[in-house]
């Protein structure tokens, strides 16, 4: 959870404010000192714009490996361009459709 927050450039103060709790309370959540119910987990996931399960299974390498926009960017900027898996898939499908249309236009022109 902490690493996802950091990748988003969100402070603990920002997260706490969005959740309506103190920064100390939020810090306890990140340290695992506070048990989370599903509602709070969902709120945190929504703020971080990730699937709630990603809060448990976050693998930073997946962001770099799965985000085509991140290719060629340095470590400090790639997180600004990371996309949720569904958004990434939708964009890839759109790109494939556009490439198909472009190829059809090229065949018609030839």
Protein backbone atom coordinates (compact mmCIF):
# COMPACT_ATOMS: atom_id res chain seq x y z
CA UNK A 1 0.00 0.00 0.00
CA UNK A 2 2.79 2.40 0.90
CA UNK A 3 4.64 1.82 -2.37
CA UNK A 4 1.51 2.39 -4.44
CA UNK A 5 0.90 5.64 -2.55
CA UNK A 6 4.48 6.71 -3.17
CA UNK A 7 4.23 5.87 -6.87
CA UNK A 8 1.20 8.15 -7.06
CA UNK A 9 3.18 10.89 -5.28
CA UNK A 10 0.55 11.02 -2.54
CA UNK A 11 1.57 11.92 0.99
CA UNK A 12 0.23 10.22 4.08
CA UNK A 13 -1.42 13.56 4.90
CA UNK A 14 -3.22 13.53 1.55
CA UNK A 15 -4.46 9.99 2.05
CA UNK A 16 -5.56 10.70 5.61
CA UNK A 17 -7.42 13.81 4.50
CA UNK A 18 -9.24 11.92 1.74
CA UNK A 19 -10.17 9.19 4.23
CA UNK A 20 -11.23 11.64 6.94
CA UNK A 21 -8.70 10.37 9.46
CA UNK A 22 -5.49 11.67 11.02
CA UNK A 23 -2.08 11.17 9.44
CA UNK A 24 -1.08 9.07 12.47
CA UNK A 25 -4.10 6.81 11.92
CA UNK A 26 -3.20 6.43 8.25
CA UNK A 27 0.41 5.64 9.15
CA UNK A 28 -0.85 2.85 11.41
CA UNK A 29 -2.81 1.42 8.49
CA UNK A 30 0.31 1.31 6.31
CA UNK A 31 2.33 -0.30 9.12
CA UNK A 32 -0.33 -2.98 9.56
CA UNK A 33 -1.10 -1.81 13.09
CA UNK A 34 -4.76 -1.19 12.24
CA UNK A 35 -7.10 -3.84 10.86
CA UNK A 36 -9.01 -2.72 7.78
CA UNK A 37 -12.59 -3.59 6.97
CA UNK A 38 -13.66 -4.04 3.37
CA UNK A 39 -15.21 -0.57 3.18
CA UNK A 40 -11.98 1.16 4.24
CA UNK A 41 -9.97 -1.07 1.89
CA UNK A 42 -12.26 -0.08 -0.98
CA UNK A 43 -11.88 3.63 -0.10
CA UNK A 44 -8.09 3.37 -0.12
CA UNK A 45 -8.13 1.45 -3.41
CA UNK A 46 -10.37 4.10 -5.00
CA UNK A 47 -8.08 6.92 -3.90
CA UNK A 48 -5.05 5.05 -5.23
CA UNK A 49 -7.00 4.07 -8.37
CA UNK A 50 -6.18 0.37 -8.08
CA UNK A 51 -8.10 -2.85 -7.59
CA UNK A 52 -8.39 -3.56 -3.85
CA UNK A 53 -6.55 -6.87 -4.30
CA UNK A 54 -3.56 -4.94 -5.62
CA UNK A 55 -3.14 -3.47 -2.13
CA UNK A 56 -2.11 -6.96 -0.99
CA UNK A 57 -0.31 -8.22 -4.09
CA UNK A 58 1.45 -5.15 -5.48
CA UNK A 59 4.46 -5.95 -7.62
CA UNK A 60 6.23 -2.81 -8.82
CA UNK A 61 7.82 -4.68 -11.72
CA UNK A 62 4.32 -5.35 -13.09
CA UNK A 63 3.81 -1.61 -13.54
CA UNK A 64 6.95 -1.34 -15.63
CA UNK A 65 6.45 -4.59 -17.53
CA UNK A 66 2.75 -4.06 -18.33
CA UNK A 67 2.69 -0.36 -19.14
CA UNK A 68 3.70 0.23 -22.73
CA UNK A 69 3.70 3.99 -22.19
CA UNK A 70 6.39 3.53 -19.53
CA UNK A 71 8.86 2.15 -22.05
CA UNK A 72 11.81 4.48 -22.39
CA UNK A 73 10.90 6.63 -19.40
CA UNK A 74 13.15 6.91 -16.39
CA UNK A 75 12.22 5.50 -12.97
CA UNK A 76 11.15 8.90 -11.63
CA UNK A 77 8.53 9.56 -14.29
CA UNK A 78 7.05 6.22 -15.28
CA UNK A 79 4.54 6.14 -12.44
CA UNK A 80 2.86 9.26 -13.78
CA UNK A 81 1.94 7.27 -16.86
CA UNK A 82 0.94 3.98 -15.30
CA UNK A 83 -2.53 2.82 -16.24
CA UNK A 84 -4.95 0.46 -14.60
CA UNK A 85 -4.97 -2.92 -16.29
CA UNK A 86 -8.43 -2.41 -17.80
CA UNK A 87 -7.50 0.99 -19.16
CA UNK A 88 -4.32 -0.42 -20.64
CA UNK A 89 -6.20 -3.28 -22.29
CA UNK A 90 -8.81 -0.91 -23.71
CA UNK A 91 -6.08 1.29 -25.16
CA UNK A 92 -4.28 -1.69 -26.68
CA UNK A 93 -7.51 -2.87 -28.30
CA UNK A 94 -8.13 0.62 -29.66
CA UNK A 95 -4.59 0.75 -31.07
CA UNK A 96 -5.09 -2.64 -32.73
CA UNK A 97 -8.33 -1.43 -34.34
CA UNK A 98 -6.62 1.72 -35.61
CA UNK A 99 -3.71 -0.28 -37.00
CA UNK A 100 -6.16 -2.58 -38.80
CA UNK A 101 -7.99 0.43 -40.29
CA UNK A 102 -4.69 1.98 -41.35
CA UNK A 103 -3.61 -1.24 -43.06
CA UNK A 104 -6.95 -1.43 -44.89
CA UNK A 105 -6.57 2.16 -46.08
CA UNK A 106 -3.05 1.42 -47.29
CA UNK A 107 -4.31 -1.61 -49.26
CA UNK A 108 -7.11 0.45 -50.84
CA UNK A 109 -4.64 3.16 -51.83
CA UNK A 110 -2.17 0.67 -53.37
